[in-house]
Amino acid sequence: MLNQLRPALAITVILTVVTGLAYPLAITGAAGALFPQAAKGSPVERDGKLVGSALIGQNFTSAKYFWSRPSATGPDPYNAGASSGSNYAPTSKAMLERIAGSTAALGQTTPVPADAVTTSGSGLDPDISPAFAALQIDRVAKARGLDPAAITKLVTTGTSLPLLGIFGEPRVNVLALNLALDDLTRQ
């Protein structure tokens, strides 16, 4: 029995070291060397101060900013430590009530883009659709005292197209758009 136990324990220890320590450290090191910005979480700084991440949404609530899509990360929106979807069924009463509340908060009585009232799979999506951005232009322009055409231009230039023209959907990064808005009002 000892002859069988010794190789089993040795293999367990070797595989634990290789797959539990060496491989993760090697991959982390390679990622840091090849993609240093992404490996750090794609931080966005303004005037030497960390203002967010290009990859994780934020909970903008002021009328003078574009709002992100709703987050399903619990009581703290866009909590990266609690990433999850809501897992509500399309016919769930709780889901329908939340959608009605989100639609009312937007002040809309007409149909709205789906990302305006539904969460993403992770609850952390940093992007919105150009249609959801367009829906918010008048509110942001009024709150900032700006011409809607200037804000429309920011949305248009801030829209990223699908990768290679076929992968994904057009999208607007909310943090980048809001920082561009702040730059516009600083001038």
Protein backbone atom coordinates (compact mmCIF):
# COMPACT_ATOMS: atom_id res chain seq x y z
CA MET A 1 0.00 0.00 0.00
CA LEU A 2 2.87 2.36 0.80
CA ASN A 3 4.24 1.74 -2.69
CA GLN A 4 1.01 3.11 -4.17
CA LEU A 5 0.52 5.97 -1.70
CA ARG A 6 3.99 7.51 -2.18
CA PRO A 7 3.65 8.15 -5.98
CA ALA A 8 0.09 9.44 -5.52
CA LEU A 9 1.23 11.97 -2.91
CA ALA A 10 4.26 12.96 -5.01
CA ILE A 11 2.09 13.57 -8.08
CA THR A 12 -0.40 15.56 -5.98
CA VAL A 13 2.36 17.80 -4.61
CA ILE A 14 4.00 18.25 -8.03
CA LEU A 15 0.72 19.08 -9.78
CA THR A 16 -0.27 21.46 -6.97
CA VAL A 17 3.01 23.35 -7.33
CA VAL A 18 2.87 23.40 -11.13
CA THR A 19 -0.83 24.19 -11.63
CA GLY A 20 -1.45 26.11 -8.42
CA LEU A 21 1.69 28.24 -8.23
CA ALA A 22 4.03 28.10 -11.22
CA TYR A 23 1.45 28.37 -14.00
CA PRO A 24 -0.60 31.23 -12.43
CA LEU A 25 2.58 33.16 -11.65
CA ALA A 26 3.92 32.66 -15.18
CA ILE A 27 0.63 33.76 -16.79
CA THR A 28 0.37 36.78 -14.47
CA GLY A 29 3.95 37.76 -15.27
CA ALA A 30 3.42 37.33 -19.02
CA ALA A 31 0.21 39.37 -18.90
CA GLY A 32 1.96 42.14 -16.97
CA ALA A 33 4.81 42.20 -19.48
CA LEU A 34 2.73 41.98 -22.66
CA PHE A 35 -0.36 43.97 -21.58
CA PRO A 36 0.69 46.14 -18.62
CA GLN A 37 -2.31 48.50 -18.74
CA ALA A 38 -4.89 45.70 -18.90
CA ALA A 39 -3.06 43.67 -16.24
CA LYS A 40 -3.47 46.61 -13.85
CA GLY A 41 -7.23 46.74 -14.54
CA SER A 42 -7.10 49.44 -17.25
CA PRO A 43 -7.12 52.34 -14.79
CA VAL A 44 -8.12 55.78 -16.05
CA GLU A 45 -6.42 58.77 -14.46
CA ARG A 46 -7.25 62.46 -14.72
CA ASP A 47 -4.86 65.08 -13.38
CA GLY A 48 -2.87 62.36 -11.59
CA LYS A 49 -5.96 61.05 -9.81
CA LEU A 50 -7.55 57.65 -10.41
CA VAL A 51 -11.10 58.21 -11.70
CA GLY A 52 -12.10 54.70 -12.74
CA SER A 53 -11.44 51.78 -15.04
CA ALA A 54 -12.05 51.55 -18.76
CA LEU A 55 -13.34 48.01 -18.22
CA ILE A 56 -15.65 48.38 -15.20
CA GLY A 57 -18.77 50.55 -15.22
CA GLN A 58 -19.50 53.21 -12.65
CA ASN A 59 -22.68 54.42 -11.02
CA PHE A 60 -23.21 57.90 -12.48
CA THR A 61 -26.38 59.44 -11.04
CA SER A 62 -26.02 63.17 -11.66
CA ALA A 63 -28.18 64.65 -14.42
CA LYS A 64 -25.07 66.28 -15.92
CA TYR A 65 -23.51 62.89 -16.69
CA PHE A 66 -24.46 60.02 -18.98
CA TRP A 67 -25.78 57.11 -16.95
CA SER A 68 -24.51 53.57 -17.25
CA ARG A 69 -26.83 50.64 -17.70
CA PRO A 70 -28.30 49.25 -14.46
CA SER A 71 -26.01 47.05 -12.38
CA ALA A 72 -26.99 43.74 -10.78
CA THR A 73 -24.17 43.68 -8.22
CA GLY A 74 -26.44 44.06 -5.21
CA PRO A 75 -26.87 47.09 -3.00
CA ASP A 76 -23.58 48.62 -4.20
CA PRO A 77 -23.84 49.19 -7.97
CA TYR A 78 -20.76 48.29 -10.02
CA ASN A 79 -19.08 46.49 -7.13
CA ALA A 80 -16.41 44.45 -8.92
CA GLY A 81 -16.19 42.10 -5.95
CA ALA A 82 -19.83 41.09 -6.40
CA SER A 83 -20.03 40.61 -10.17
CA SER A 84 -23.19 38.79 -11.18
CA GLY A 85 -26.27 38.94 -13.32
CA SER A 86 -29.73 39.26 -11.83
CA ASN A 87 -30.81 35.84 -13.11
CA TYR A 88 -34.40 37.07 -13.32
CA ALA A 89 -36.60 35.39 -15.89
CA PRO A 90 -38.11 37.73 -18.51
CA THR A 91 -41.53 37.24 -16.92
CA SER A 92 -40.33 37.70 -13.32
CA LYS A 93 -42.43 40.18 -11.35
CA ALA A 94 -39.29 41.61 -9.71
CA MET A 95 -37.68 42.08 -13.14
CA LEU A 96 -40.75 43.80 -14.58
CA GLU A 97 -40.96 46.13 -11.55
CA ARG A 98 -37.26 47.03 -11.83
CA ILE A 99 -37.64 47.73 -15.56
CA ALA A 100 -40.67 49.92 -14.89
CA GLY A 101 -38.69 51.82 -12.24
CA SER A 102 -35.71 52.28 -14.56
CA THR A 103 -37.97 53.50 -17.37
CA ALA A 104 -39.67 55.97 -15.02
CA ALA A 105 -36.26 57.24 -13.80
CA LEU A 106 -35.38 57.99 -17.41
CA GLY A 107 -38.60 59.98 -17.74
CA GLN A 108 -39.64 57.99 -20.79
CA THR A 109 -43.06 56.81 -21.81
CA THR A 110 -41.93 55.48 -25.18
CA PRO A 111 -39.92 52.28 -25.66
CA VAL A 112 -36.30 52.59 -24.57
CA PRO A 113 -33.19 50.66 -25.65
CA ALA A 114 -32.85 47.36 -23.79
CA ASP A 115 -29.55 48.34 -22.16
CA ALA A 116 -31.25 51.34 -20.55
CA VAL A 117 -33.31 49.09 -18.30
CA THR A 118 -31.58 45.69 -18.19
CA THR A 119 -28.34 44.62 -16.56
CA SER A 120 -25.41 42.98 -18.29
CA GLY A 121 -24.31 39.43 -17.53
CA SER A 122 -21.59 40.63 -15.14
CA GLY A 123 -23.39 43.71 -13.82
CA LEU A 124 -20.21 45.69 -14.57
CA ASP A 125 -20.57 46.67 -18.24
CA PRO A 126 -18.74 49.97 -18.86
CA ASP A 127 -20.46 50.58 -22.21
CA ILE A 128 -23.90 51.60 -23.40
CA SER A 129 -25.46 51.50 -26.84
CA PRO A 130 -25.41 54.62 -29.01
CA ALA A 131 -29.23 54.56 -28.79
CA PHE A 132 -29.13 54.76 -24.97
CA ALA A 133 -26.55 57.54 -25.19
CA ALA A 134 -28.76 59.44 -27.67
CA LEU A 135 -31.71 59.09 -25.29
CA GLN A 136 -29.73 60.96 -22.62
CA ILE A 137 -28.36 63.83 -24.73
CA ASP A 138 -31.17 66.32 -24.02
CA ARG A 139 -31.02 65.71 -20.24
CA VAL A 140 -27.24 66.15 -20.13
CA ALA A 141 -27.33 69.23 -22.39
CA LYS A 142 -29.97 70.88 -20.21
CA ALA A 143 -28.11 70.06 -16.97
CA ARG A 144 -24.84 71.44 -18.34
CA GLY A 145 -26.31 74.35 -20.30
CA LEU A 146 -24.75 73.07 -23.53
CA ASP A 147 -25.95 72.79 -27.09
CA PRO A 148 -27.23 69.23 -27.72
CA ALA A 149 -25.36 69.22 -31.05
CA ALA A 150 -22.01 69.49 -29.23
CA ILE A 151 -22.91 66.55 -27.02
CA THR A 152 -24.18 64.55 -29.99
CA LYS A 153 -20.78 65.07 -31.60
CA LEU A 154 -19.08 63.67 -28.48
CA VAL A 155 -21.34 60.60 -28.58
CA THR A 156 -20.63 60.08 -32.28
CA THR A 157 -16.85 60.38 -31.91
CA GLY A 158 -16.93 58.24 -28.74
CA THR A 159 -18.80 55.37 -30.41
CA SER A 160 -16.67 52.26 -30.95
CA LEU A 161 -17.68 50.07 -33.87
CA PRO A 162 -17.78 46.25 -33.78
CA LEU A 163 -14.39 44.55 -33.93
CA LEU A 164 -13.52 43.91 -37.60
CA GLY A 165 -16.98 45.21 -38.42
CA ILE A 166 -18.71 41.99 -37.35
CA PHE A 167 -17.87 41.09 -33.74
CA GLY A 168 -20.03 42.81 -31.14
CA GLU A 169 -22.24 45.85 -31.32
CA PRO A 170 -21.52 49.58 -31.56
CA ARG A 171 -20.89 50.89 -28.05
CA VAL A 172 -20.00 54.00 -26.08
CA ASN A 173 -17.76 53.87 -23.01
CA VAL A 174 -19.62 55.87 -20.37
CA LEU A 175 -16.56 56.91 -18.34
CA ALA A 176 -14.72 58.15 -21.45
CA LEU A 177 -17.83 60.02 -22.60
CA ASN A 178 -18.31 61.69 -19.21
CA LEU A 179 -14.63 62.68 -19.07
CA ALA A 180 -14.97 64.19 -22.55
CA LEU A 181 -18.00 66.13 -21.29
CA ASP A 182 -15.96 67.47 -18.38
CA ASP A 183 -13.22 68.50 -20.82
CA LEU A 184 -15.80 70.26 -23.00
CA THR A 185 -17.11 72.32 -20.10
CA ARG A 186 -13.60 73.19 -18.86
CA GLN A 187 -12.75 74.99 -22.10
